[in-house]
Amino acid sequence: DLAIHVARRVVEIDLLPASVLMIVGNGIGLSLPVESAPVLMNPAPG
């Protein structure tokens, strides 16, 4: 994200699935969106 790390040769990245419980709506970043959520106001252009 916004954190910058020192230069190095080897970087390992993995995913922790279903690790954070969030209240969500009908977003493009969800496989299972909440269809009845309030409308997203002022979305990004396009």
ModelCIF file with pLDDT and N, C-alpha, C, O atoms, coordinates in Angstrom:
data_MODEL
#
_entry.id   MODEL 
#
_entity.id                         1 
_entity.type                       polymer 
_entity.pdbx_number_of_molecules   1 
#
_entity_poly.entity_id                      1 
_entity_poly.type                           'polypeptide(L)' 
_entity_poly.nstd_linkage                   no 
_entity_poly.nstd_monomer                   no 
_entity_poly.pdbx_seq_one_letter_code       DLAIHVARRVVEIDLLPASVLMIVGNGIGLSLPVESAPVLMNPAPG 
_entity_poly.pdbx_seq_one_letter_code_can   DLAIHVARRVVEIDLLPASVLMIVGNGIGLSLPVESAPVLMNPAPG 
_entity_poly.pdbx_strand_id                 A 
#
loop_
_entity_poly_seq.entity_id 
_entity_poly_seq.num 
_entity_poly_seq.mon_id 
_entity_poly_seq.hetero 
1 1  ASP n 
1 2  LEU n 
1 3  ALA n 
1 4  ILE n 
1 5  HIS n 
1 6  VAL n 
1 7  ALA n 
1 8  ARG n 
1 9  ARG n 
1 10 VAL n 
1 11 VAL n 
1 12 GLU n 
1 13 ILE n 
1 14 ASP n 
1 15 LEU n 
1 16 LEU n 
1 17 PRO n 
1 18 ALA n 
1 19 SER n 
1 20 VAL n 
1 21 LEU n 
1 22 MET n 
1 23 ILE n 
1 24 VAL n 
1 25 GLY n 
1 26 ASN n 
1 27 GLY n 
1 28 ILE n 
1 29 GLY n 
1 30 LEU n 
1 31 SER n 
1 32 LEU n 
1 33 PRO n 
1 34 VAL n 
1 35 GLU n 
1 36 SER n 
1 37 ALA n 
1 38 PRO n 
1 39 VAL n 
1 40 LEU n 
1 41 MET n 
1 42 ASN n 
1 43 PRO n 
1 44 ALA n 
1 45 PRO n 
1 46 GLY n 
#
_struct_asym.id          A 
_struct_asym.entity_id   1 
#
loop_
_ma_qa_metric.id 
_ma_qa_metric.mode 
_ma_qa_metric.name 
_ma_qa_metric.software_group_id 
_ma_qa_metric.type 
1 global pLDDT . pLDDT 
2 local  pLDDT . pLDDT 
#
_ma_qa_metric_global.metric_id      1 
_ma_qa_metric_global.metric_value   85.67 
_ma_qa_metric_global.model_id       1 
_ma_qa_metric_global.ordinal_id     1 
#
loop_
_ma_qa_metric_local.label_asym_id 
_ma_qa_metric_local.label_comp_id 
_ma_qa_metric_local.label_seq_id 
_ma_qa_metric_local.metric_id 
_ma_qa_metric_local.metric_value 
_ma_qa_metric_local.model_id 
_ma_qa_metric_local.ordinal_id 
A ASP 1  2 81.00 1 1  
A LEU 2  2 75.00 1 2  
A ALA 3  2 79.00 1 3  
A ILE 4  2 77.00 1 4  
A HIS 5  2 79.00 1 5  
A VAL 6  2 82.00 1 6  
A ALA 7  2 84.00 1 7  
A ARG 8  2 87.00 1 8  
A ARG 9  2 90.00 1 9  
A VAL 10 2 92.00 1 10 
A VAL 11 2 91.00 1 11 
A GLU 12 2 93.00 1 12 
A ILE 13 2 95.00 1 13 
A ASP 14 2 96.00 1 14 
A LEU 15 2 97.00 1 15 
A LEU 16 2 97.00 1 16 
A PRO 17 2 97.00 1 17 
A ALA 18 2 97.00 1 18 
A SER 19 2 97.00 1 19 
A VAL 20 2 97.00 1 20 
A LEU 21 2 97.00 1 21 
A MET 22 2 98.00 1 22 
A ILE 23 2 97.00 1 23 
A VAL 24 2 97.00 1 24 
A GLY 25 2 96.00 1 25 
A ASN 26 2 95.00 1 26 
A GLY 27 2 95.00 1 27 
A ILE 28 2 95.00 1 28 
A GLY 29 2 97.00 1 29 
A LEU 30 2 97.00 1 30 
A SER 31 2 96.00 1 31 
A LEU 32 2 94.00 1 32 
A PRO 33 2 95.00 1 33 
A VAL 34 2 95.00 1 34 
A GLU 35 2 92.00 1 35 
A SER 36 2 91.00 1 36 
A ALA 37 2 91.00 1 37 
A PRO 38 2 86.00 1 38 
A VAL 39 2 79.00 1 39 
A LEU 40 2 72.00 1 40 
A MET 41 2 63.00 1 41 
A ASN 42 2 56.00 1 42 
A PRO 43 2 50.00 1 43 
A ALA 44 2 47.00 1 44 
A PRO 45 2 44.00 1 45 
A GLY 46 2 43.00 1 46 
#
loop_
_atom_site.group_PDB 
_atom_site.id 
_atom_site.type_symbol 
_atom_site.label_atom_id 
_atom_site.label_alt_id 
_atom_site.label_comp_id 
_atom_site.label_asym_id 
_atom_site.label_entity_id 
_atom_site.label_seq_id 
_atom_site.pdbx_PDB_ins_code 
_atom_site.Cartn_x 
_atom_site.Cartn_y 
_atom_site.Cartn_z 
_atom_site.occupancy 
_atom_site.B_iso_or_equiv 
_atom_site.pdbx_formal_charge 
_atom_site.auth_seq_id 
_atom_site.auth_comp_id 
_atom_site.auth_asym_id 
_atom_site.auth_atom_id 
_atom_site.pdbx_PDB_model_num 
ATOM 1   N N  . ASP A 1 1  ? 0.848   -1.185  0.000   1.00 81.00 ? 1  ASP A N  1 
ATOM 2   C CA . ASP A 1 1  ? 0.000   0.000   0.000   1.00 81.00 ? 1  ASP A CA 1 
ATOM 3   C C  . ASP A 1 1  ? 0.889   1.243   0.000   1.00 81.00 ? 1  ASP A C  1 
ATOM 4   O O  . ASP A 1 1  ? 1.698   1.414   -0.913  1.00 81.00 ? 1  ASP A O  1 
ATOM 5   N N  . LEU A 1 2  ? 0.759   2.110   0.999   1.00 75.00 ? 2  LEU A N  1 
ATOM 6   C CA . LEU A 1 2  ? 1.518   3.364   0.998   1.00 75.00 ? 2  LEU A CA 1 
ATOM 7   C C  . LEU A 1 2  ? 2.875   3.248   1.691   1.00 75.00 ? 2  LEU A C  1 
ATOM 8   O O  . LEU A 1 2  ? 3.663   4.193   1.673   1.00 75.00 ? 2  LEU A O  1 
ATOM 9   N N  . ALA A 1 3  ? 3.149   2.102   2.298   1.00 79.00 ? 3  ALA A N  1 
ATOM 10  C CA . ALA A 1 3  ? 4.420   1.922   3.015   1.00 79.00 ? 3  ALA A CA 1 
ATOM 11  C C  . ALA A 1 3  ? 5.528   1.558   2.027   1.00 79.00 ? 3  ALA A C  1 
ATOM 12  O O  . ALA A 1 3  ? 5.368   0.633   1.230   1.00 79.00 ? 3  ALA A O  1 
ATOM 13  N N  . ILE A 1 4  ? 6.648   2.279   2.077   1.00 77.00 ? 4  ILE A N  1 
ATOM 14  C CA . ILE A 1 4  ? 7.797   2.019   1.210   1.00 77.00 ? 4  ILE A CA 1 
ATOM 15  C C  . ILE A 1 4  ? 8.863   1.310   2.034   1.00 77.00 ? 4  ILE A C  1 
ATOM 16  O O  . ILE A 1 4  ? 9.195   1.745   3.136   1.00 77.00 ? 4  ILE A O  1 
ATOM 17  N N  . HIS A 1 5  ? 9.402   0.204   1.490   1.00 79.00 ? 5  HIS A N  1 
ATOM 18  C CA . HIS A 1 5  ? 10.399  -0.590  2.211   1.00 79.00 ? 5  HIS A CA 1 
ATOM 19  C C  . HIS A 1 5  ? 11.771  -0.437  1.561   1.00 79.00 ? 5  HIS A C  1 
ATOM 20  O O  . HIS A 1 5  ? 11.881  -0.067  0.392   1.00 79.00 ? 5  HIS A O  1 
ATOM 21  N N  . VAL A 1 6  ? 12.792  -0.722  2.323   1.00 82.00 ? 6  VAL A N  1 
ATOM 22  C CA . VAL A 1 6  ? 14.160  -0.587  1.832   1.00 82.00 ? 6  VAL A CA 1 
ATOM 23  C C  . VAL A 1 6  ? 14.392  -1.556  0.672   1.00 82.00 ? 6  VAL A C  1 
ATOM 24  O O  . VAL A 1 6  ? 13.715  -2.577  0.548   1.00 82.00 ? 6  VAL A O  1 
ATOM 25  N N  . ALA A 1 7  ? 15.363  -1.211  -0.171  1.00 84.00 ? 7  ALA A N  1 
ATOM 26  C CA . ALA A 1 7  ? 15.658  -2.046  -1.329  1.00 84.00 ? 7  ALA A CA 1 
ATOM 27  C C  . ALA A 1 7  ? 16.211  -3.397  -0.896  1.00 84.00 ? 7  ALA A C  1 
ATOM 28  O O  . ALA A 1 7  ? 17.043  -3.477  0.008   1.00 84.00 ? 7  ALA A O  1 
ATOM 29  N N  . ARG A 1 8  ? 15.749  -4.445  -1.540  1.00 87.00 ? 8  ARG A N  1 
ATOM 30  C CA . ARG A 1 8  ? 16.257  -5.803  -1.277  1.00 87.00 ? 8  ARG A CA 1 
ATOM 31  C C  . ARG A 1 8  ? 16.030  -6.661  -2.510  1.00 87.00 ? 8  ARG A C  1 
ATOM 32  O O  . ARG A 1 8  ? 15.236  -6.316  -3.386  1.00 87.00 ? 8  ARG A O  1 
ATOM 33  N N  . ARG A 1 9  ? 16.729  -7.771  -2.567  1.00 90.00 ? 9  ARG A N  1 
ATOM 34  C CA . ARG A 1 9  ? 16.669  -8.627  -3.754  1.00 90.00 ? 9  ARG A CA 1 
ATOM 35  C C  . ARG A 1 9  ? 15.486  -9.576  -3.727  1.00 90.00 ? 9  ARG A C  1 
ATOM 36  O O  . ARG A 1 9  ? 14.922  -9.888  -4.775  1.00 90.00 ? 9  ARG A O  1 
ATOM 37  N N  . VAL A 1 10 ? 15.102  -10.038 -2.549  1.00 92.00 ? 10 VAL A N  1 
ATOM 38  C CA . VAL A 1 10 ? 14.059  -11.063 -2.446  1.00 92.00 ? 10 VAL A CA 1 
ATOM 39  C C  . VAL A 1 10 ? 12.866  -10.502 -1.676  1.00 92.00 ? 10 VAL A C  1 
ATOM 40  O O  . VAL A 1 10 ? 13.010  -10.002 -0.560  1.00 92.00 ? 10 VAL A O  1 
ATOM 41  N N  . VAL A 1 11 ? 11.709  -10.592 -2.278  1.00 91.00 ? 11 VAL A N  1 
ATOM 42  C CA . VAL A 1 11 ? 10.467  -10.136 -1.645  1.00 91.00 ? 11 VAL A CA 1 
ATOM 43  C C  . VAL A 1 11 ? 9.442   -11.262 -1.752  1.00 91.00 ? 11 VAL A C  1 
ATOM 44  O O  . VAL A 1 11 ? 9.214   -11.802 -2.835  1.00 91.00 ? 11 VAL A O  1 
ATOM 45  N N  . GLU A 1 12 ? 8.830   -11.609 -0.634  1.00 93.00 ? 12 GLU A N  1 
ATOM 46  C CA . GLU A 1 12 ? 7.799   -12.657 -0.614  1.00 93.00 ? 12 GLU A CA 1 
ATOM 47  C C  . GLU A 1 12 ? 6.458   -12.032 -0.229  1.00 93.00 ? 12 GLU A C  1 
ATOM 48  O O  . GLU A 1 12 ? 6.361   -11.266 0.729   1.00 93.00 ? 12 GLU A O  1 
ATOM 49  N N  . ILE A 1 13 ? 5.448   -12.375 -0.989  1.00 95.00 ? 13 ILE A N  1 
ATOM 50  C CA . ILE A 1 13 ? 4.110   -11.837 -0.772  1.00 95.00 ? 13 ILE A CA 1 
ATOM 51  C C  . ILE A 1 13 ? 3.123   -13.001 -0.770  1.00 95.00 ? 13 ILE A C  1 
ATOM 52  O O  . ILE A 1 13 ? 3.162   -13.862 -1.649  1.00 95.00 ? 13 ILE A O  1 
ATOM 53  N N  . ASP A 1 14 ? 2.256   -13.016 0.205   1.00 96.00 ? 14 ASP A N  1 
ATOM 54  C CA . ASP A 1 14 ? 1.214   -14.047 0.205   1.00 96.00 ? 14 ASP A CA 1 
ATOM 55  C C  . ASP A 1 14 ? -0.104  -13.442 0.658   1.00 96.00 ? 14 ASP A C  1 
ATOM 56  O O  . ASP A 1 14 ? -0.166  -12.282 1.063   1.00 96.00 ? 14 ASP A O  1 
ATOM 57  N N  . LEU A 1 15 ? -1.146  -14.241 0.583   1.00 97.00 ? 15 LEU A N  1 
ATOM 58  C CA . LEU A 1 15 ? -2.498  -13.792 0.891   1.00 97.00 ? 15 LEU A CA 1 
ATOM 59  C C  . LEU A 1 15 ? -3.025  -14.551 2.101   1.00 97.00 ? 15 LEU A C  1 
ATOM 60  O O  . LEU A 1 15 ? -2.861  -15.767 2.208   1.00 97.00 ? 15 LEU A O  1 
ATOM 61  N N  . LEU A 1 16 ? -3.654  -13.823 3.000   1.00 97.00 ? 16 LEU A N  1 
ATOM 62  C CA . LEU A 1 16 ? -4.368  -14.431 4.125   1.00 97.00 ? 16 LEU A CA 1 
ATOM 63  C C  . LEU A 1 16 ? -5.859  -14.310 3.811   1.00 97.00 ? 16 LEU A C  1 
ATOM 64  O O  . LEU A 1 16 ? -6.464  -13.266 4.050   1.00 97.00 ? 16 LEU A O  1 
ATOM 65  N N  . PRO A 1 17 ? -6.448  -15.382 3.276   1.00 97.00 ? 17 PRO A N  1 
ATOM 66  C CA . PRO A 1 17 ? -7.844  -15.284 2.825   1.00 97.00 ? 17 PRO A CA 1 
ATOM 67  C C  . PRO A 1 17 ? -8.820  -15.149 3.993   1.00 97.00 ? 17 PRO A C  1 
ATOM 68  O O  . PRO A 1 17 ? -8.617  -15.716 5.067   1.00 97.00 ? 17 PRO A O  1 
ATOM 69  N N  . ALA A 1 18 ? -9.890  -14.379 3.751   1.00 97.00 ? 18 ALA A N  1 
ATOM 70  C CA . ALA A 1 18 ? -11.005 -14.237 4.698   1.00 97.00 ? 18 ALA A CA 1 
ATOM 71  C C  . ALA A 1 18 ? -10.518 -13.903 6.104   1.00 97.00 ? 18 ALA A C  1 
ATOM 72  O O  . ALA A 1 18 ? -10.963 -14.511 7.078   1.00 97.00 ? 18 ALA A O  1 
ATOM 73  N N  . SER A 1 19 ? -9.603  -12.938 6.212   1.00 97.00 ? 19 SER A N  1 
ATOM 74  C CA . SER A 1 19 ? -8.934  -12.665 7.489   1.00 97.00 ? 19 SER A CA 1 
ATOM 75  C C  . SER A 1 19 ? -9.489  -11.468 8.240   1.00 97.00 ? 19 SER A C  1 
ATOM 76  O O  . SER A 1 19 ? -9.274  -11.346 9.446   1.00 97.00 ? 19 SER A O  1 
ATOM 77  N N  . VAL A 1 20 ? -10.198 -10.581 7.553   1.00 97.00 ? 20 VAL A N  1 
ATOM 78  C CA . VAL A 1 20 ? -10.723 -9.377  8.189   1.00 97.00 ? 20 VAL A CA 1 
ATOM 79  C C  . VAL A 1 20 ? -12.226 -9.294  7.929   1.00 97.00 ? 20 VAL A C  1 
ATOM 80  O O  . VAL A 1 20 ? -12.673 -9.403  6.787   1.00 97.00 ? 20 VAL A O  1 
ATOM 81  N N  . LEU A 1 21 ? -12.995 -9.103  8.991   1.00 97.00 ? 21 LEU A N  1 
ATOM 82  C CA . LEU A 1 21 ? -14.451 -9.018  8.877   1.00 97.00 ? 21 LEU A CA 1 
ATOM 83  C C  . LEU A 1 21 ? -14.837 -7.549  8.671   1.00 97.00 ? 21 LEU A C  1 
ATOM 84  O O  . LEU A 1 21 ? -14.599 -6.712  9.541   1.00 97.00 ? 21 LEU A O  1 
ATOM 85  N N  . MET A 1 22 ? -15.430 -7.246  7.520   1.00 98.00 ? 22 MET A N  1 
ATOM 86  C CA . MET A 1 22 ? -15.775 -5.866  7.175   1.00 98.00 ? 22 MET A CA 1 
ATOM 87  C C  . MET A 1 22 ? -17.246 -5.734  6.815   1.00 98.00 ? 22 MET A C  1 
ATOM 88  O O  . MET A 1 22 ? -17.852 -6.643  6.248   1.00 98.00 ? 22 MET A O  1 
ATOM 89  N N  . ILE A 1 23 ? -17.804 -4.580  7.158   1.00 97.00 ? 23 ILE A N  1 
ATOM 90  C CA . ILE A 1 23 ? -19.142 -4.219  6.702   1.00 97.00 ? 23 ILE A CA 1 
ATOM 91  C C  . ILE A 1 23 ? -18.991 -3.595  5.325   1.00 97.00 ? 23 ILE A C  1 
ATOM 92  O O  . ILE A 1 23 ? -18.301 -2.588  5.173   1.00 97.00 ? 23 ILE A O  1 
ATOM 93  N N  . VAL A 1 24 ? -19.631 -4.184  4.318   1.00 97.00 ? 24 VAL A N  1 
ATOM 94  C CA . VAL A 1 24 ? -19.400 -3.783  2.924   1.00 97.00 ? 24 VAL A CA 1 
ATOM 95  C C  . VAL A 1 24 ? -20.725 -3.540  2.211   1.00 97.00 ? 24 VAL A C  1 
ATOM 96  O O  . VAL A 1 24 ? -21.803 -3.814  2.740   1.00 97.00 ? 24 VAL A O  1 
ATOM 97  N N  . GLY A 1 25 ? -20.609 -3.018  0.994   1.00 96.00 ? 25 GLY A N  1 
ATOM 98  C CA . GLY A 1 25 ? -21.781 -2.761  0.167   1.00 96.00 ? 25 GLY A CA 1 
ATOM 99  C C  . GLY A 1 25 ? -21.700 -3.476  -1.162  1.00 96.00 ? 25 GLY A C  1 
ATOM 100 O O  . GLY A 1 25 ? -21.186 -4.591  -1.251  1.00 96.00 ? 25 GLY A O  1 
ATOM 101 N N  . ASN A 1 26 ? -22.212 -2.829  -2.196  1.00 95.00 ? 26 ASN A N  1 
ATOM 102 C CA . ASN A 1 26 ? -22.262 -3.431  -3.528  1.00 95.00 ? 26 ASN A CA 1 
ATOM 103 C C  . ASN A 1 26 ? -21.062 -2.917  -4.331  1.00 95.00 ? 26 ASN A C  1 
ATOM 104 O O  . ASN A 1 26 ? -21.204 -2.051  -5.193  1.00 95.00 ? 26 ASN A O  1 
ATOM 105 N N  . GLY A 1 27 ? -19.876 -3.469  -4.032  1.00 95.00 ? 27 GLY A N  1 
ATOM 106 C CA . GLY A 1 27 ? -18.650 -2.961  -4.619  1.00 95.00 ? 27 GLY A CA 1 
ATOM 107 C C  . GLY A 1 27 ? -18.091 -3.833  -5.722  1.00 95.00 ? 27 GLY A C  1 
ATOM 108 O O  . GLY A 1 27 ? -18.342 -5.038  -5.763  1.00 95.00 ? 27 GLY A O  1 
ATOM 109 N N  . ILE A 1 28 ? -17.318 -3.210  -6.634  1.00 95.00 ? 28 ILE A N  1 
ATOM 110 C CA . ILE A 1 28 ? -16.725 -3.955  -7.743  1.00 95.00 ? 28 ILE A CA 1 
ATOM 111 C C  . ILE A 1 28 ? -15.606 -4.881  -7.268  1.00 95.00 ? 28 ILE A C  1 
ATOM 112 O O  . ILE A 1 28 ? -15.186 -5.770  -8.008  1.00 95.00 ? 28 ILE A O  1 
ATOM 113 N N  . GLY A 1 29 ? -15.117 -4.681  -6.031  1.00 97.00 ? 29 GLY A N  1 
ATOM 114 C CA . GLY A 1 29 ? -14.055 -5.530  -5.509  1.00 97.00 ? 29 GLY A CA 1 
ATOM 115 C C  . GLY A 1 29 ? -14.560 -6.717  -4.730  1.00 97.00 ? 29 GLY A C  1 
ATOM 116 O O  . GLY A 1 29 ? -13.801 -7.308  -3.961  1.00 97.00 ? 29 GLY A O  1 
ATOM 117 N N  . LEU A 1 30 ? -15.820 -7.090  -4.899  1.00 97.00 ? 30 LEU A N  1 
ATOM 118 C CA . LEU A 1 30 ? -16.410 -8.201  -4.153  1.00 97.00 ? 30 LEU A CA 1 
ATOM 119 C C  . LEU A 1 30 ? -16.998 -9.245  -5.095  1.00 97.00 ? 30 LEU A C  1 
ATOM 120 O O  . LEU A 1 30 ? -17.702 -8.914  -6.050  1.00 97.00 ? 30 LEU A O  1 
ATOM 121 N N  . SER A 1 31 ? -16.698 -10.513 -4.809  1.00 96.00 ? 31 SER A N  1 
ATOM 122 C CA . SER A 1 31 ? -17.340 -11.604 -5.541  1.00 96.00 ? 31 SER A CA 1 
ATOM 123 C C  . SER A 1 31 ? -18.788 -11.767 -5.107  1.00 96.00 ? 31 SER A C  1 
ATOM 124 O O  . SER A 1 31 ? -19.643 -12.180 -5.890  1.00 96.00 ? 31 SER A O  1 
ATOM 125 N N  . LEU A 1 32 ? -19.052 -11.432 -3.838  1.00 94.00 ? 32 LEU A N  1 
ATOM 126 C CA . LEU A 1 32 ? -20.397 -11.558 -3.277  1.00 94.00 ? 32 LEU A CA 1 
ATOM 127 C C  . LEU A 1 32 ? -20.809 -10.201 -2.706  1.00 94.00 ? 32 LEU A C  1 
ATOM 128 O O  . LEU A 1 32 ? -20.776 -10.009 -1.490  1.00 94.00 ? 32 LEU A O  1 
ATOM 129 N N  . PRO A 1 33 ? -21.199 -9.255  -3.571  1.00 95.00 ? 33 PRO A N  1 
ATOM 130 C CA . PRO A 1 33 ? -21.569 -7.921  -3.097  1.00 95.00 ? 33 PRO A CA 1 
ATOM 131 C C  . PRO A 1 33 ? -22.901 -7.937  -2.363  1.00 95.00 ? 33 PRO A C  1 
ATOM 132 O O  . PRO A 1 33 ? -23.669 -8.893  -2.468  1.00 95.00 ? 33 PRO A O  1 
ATOM 133 N N  . VAL A 1 34 ? -23.165 -6.873  -1.622  1.00 95.00 ? 34 VAL A N  1 
ATOM 134 C CA . VAL A 1 34 ? -24.435 -6.708  -0.915  1.00 95.00 ? 34 VAL A CA 1 
ATOM 135 C C  . VAL A 1 34 ? -25.370 -5.922  -1.837  1.00 95.00 ? 34 VAL A C  1 
ATOM 136 O O  . VAL A 1 34 ? -25.266 -4.701  -1.953  1.00 95.00 ? 34 VAL A O  1 
ATOM 137 N N  . GLU A 1 35 ? -26.273 -6.636  -2.480  1.00 92.00 ? 35 GLU A N  1 
ATOM 138 C CA . GLU A 1 35 ? -27.109 -6.036  -3.522  1.00 92.00 ? 35 GLU A CA 1 
ATOM 139 C C  . GLU A 1 35 ? -28.018 -4.932  -2.979  1.00 92.00 ? 35 GLU A C  1 
ATOM 140 O O  . GLU A 1 35 ? -28.344 -3.992  -3.703  1.00 92.00 ? 35 GLU A O  1 
ATOM 141 N N  . SER A 1 36 ? -28.425 -5.036  -1.722  1.00 91.00 ? 36 SER A N  1 
ATOM 142 C CA . SER A 1 36 ? -29.391 -4.093  -1.161  1.00 91.00 ? 36 SER A CA 1 
ATOM 143 C C  . SER A 1 36 ? -28.728 -2.943  -0.414  1.00 91.00 ? 36 SER A C  1 
ATOM 144 O O  . SER A 1 36 ? -29.405 -2.199  0.295   1.00 91.00 ? 36 SER A O  1 
ATOM 145 N N  . ALA A 1 37 ? -27.420 -2.788  -0.559  1.00 91.00 ? 37 ALA A N  1 
ATOM 146 C CA . ALA A 1 37 ? -26.703 -1.739  0.158   1.00 91.00 ? 37 ALA A CA 1 
ATOM 147 C C  . ALA A 1 37 ? -27.081 -0.368  -0.358  1.00 91.00 ? 37 ALA A C  1 
ATOM 148 O O  . ALA A 1 37 ? -27.530 -0.237  -1.496  1.00 91.00 ? 37 ALA A O  1 
ATOM 149 N N  . PRO A 1 38 ? -26.901 0.681   0.482   1.00 86.00 ? 38 PRO A N  1 
ATOM 150 C CA . PRO A 1 38 ? -27.099 2.054   -0.012  1.00 86.00 ? 38 PRO A CA 1 
ATOM 151 C C  . PRO A 1 38 ? -26.214 2.318   -1.220  1.00 86.00 ? 38 PRO A C  1 
ATOM 152 O O  . PRO A 1 38 ? -25.131 1.746   -1.338  1.00 86.00 ? 38 PRO A O  1 
ATOM 153 N N  . VAL A 1 39 ? -26.674 3.184   -2.117  1.00 79.00 ? 39 VAL A N  1 
ATOM 154 C CA . VAL A 1 39 ? -25.955 3.459   -3.355  1.00 79.00 ? 39 VAL A CA 1 
ATOM 155 C C  . VAL A 1 39 ? -24.640 4.152   -3.056  1.00 79.00 ? 39 VAL A C  1 
ATOM 156 O O  . VAL A 1 39 ? -24.581 5.048   -2.214  1.00 79.00 ? 39 VAL A O  1 
ATOM 157 N N  . LEU A 1 40 ? -23.580 3.735   -3.749  1.00 72.00 ? 40 LEU A N  1 
ATOM 158 C CA . LEU A 1 40 ? -22.286 4.385   -3.629  1.00 72.00 ? 40 LEU A CA 1 
ATOM 159 C C  . LEU A 1 40 ? -22.386 5.781   -4.227  1.00 72.00 ? 40 LEU A C  1 
ATOM 160 O O  . LEU A 1 40 ? -22.621 5.941   -5.424  1.00 72.00 ? 40 LEU A O  1 
ATOM 161 N N  . MET A 1 41 ? -22.205 6.780   -3.384  1.00 63.00 ? 41 MET A N  1 
ATOM 162 C CA . MET A 1 41 ? -22.291 8.170   -3.834  1.00 63.00 ? 41 MET A CA 1 
ATOM 163 C C  . MET A 1 41 ? -20.942 8.624   -4.371  1.00 63.00 ? 41 MET A C  1 
ATOM 164 O O  . MET A 1 41 ? -19.894 8.228   -3.861  1.00 63.00 ? 41 MET A O  1 
ATOM 165 N N  . ASN A 1 42 ? -20.980 9.465   -5.414  1.00 56.00 ? 42 ASN A N  1 
ATOM 166 C CA . ASN A 1 42 ? -19.785 10.089  -5.971  1.00 56.00 ? 42 ASN A CA 1 
ATOM 167 C C  . ASN A 1 42 ? -18.693 9.083   -6.310  1.00 56.00 ? 42 ASN A C  1 
ATOM 168 O O  . ASN A 1 42 ? -17.569 9.227   -5.831  1.00 56.00 ? 42 ASN A O  1 
ATOM 169 N N  . PRO A 1 43 ? -18.988 8.064   -7.124  1.00 50.00 ? 43 PRO A N  1 
ATOM 170 C CA . PRO A 1 43 ? -17.945 7.107   -7.476  1.00 50.00 ? 43 PRO A CA 1 
ATOM 171 C C  . PRO A 1 43 ? -16.869 7.758   -8.326  1.00 50.00 ? 43 PRO A C  1 
ATOM 172 O O  . PRO A 1 43 ? -17.053 8.857   -8.850  1.00 50.00 ? 43 PRO A O  1 
ATOM 173 N N  . ALA A 1 44 ? -15.739 7.063   -8.458  1.00 47.00 ? 44 ALA A N  1 
ATOM 174 C CA . ALA A 1 44 ? -14.662 7.581   -9.291  1.00 47.00 ? 44 ALA A CA 1 
ATOM 175 C C  . ALA A 1 44 ? -15.159 7.753   -10.718 1.00 47.00 ? 44 ALA A C  1 
ATOM 176 O O  . ALA A 1 44 ? -15.954 6.937   -11.185 1.00 47.00 ? 44 ALA A O  1 
ATOM 177 N N  . PRO A 1 45 ? -14.715 8.790   -11.426 1.00 44.00 ? 45 PRO A N  1 
ATOM 178 C CA . PRO A 1 45 ? -15.159 9.006   -12.806 1.00 44.00 ? 45 PRO A CA 1 
ATOM 179 C C  . PRO A 1 45 ? -14.929 7.779   -13.673 1.00 44.00 ? 45 PRO A C  1 
ATOM 180 O O  . PRO A 1 45 ? -13.816 7.260   -13.761 1.00 44.00 ? 45 PRO A O  1 
ATOM 181 N N  . GLY A 1 46 ? -16.005 7.325   -14.313 1.00 43.00 ? 46 GLY A N  1 
ATOM 182 C CA . GLY A 1 46 ? -15.875 6.205   -15.225 1.00 43.00 ? 46 GLY A CA 1 
ATOM 183 C C  . GLY A 1 46 ? -15.708 4.863   -14.556 1.00 43.00 ? 46 GLY A C  1 
ATOM 184 O O  . GLY A 1 46 ? -15.588 3.844   -15.236 1.00 43.00 ? 46 GLY A O  1 
#
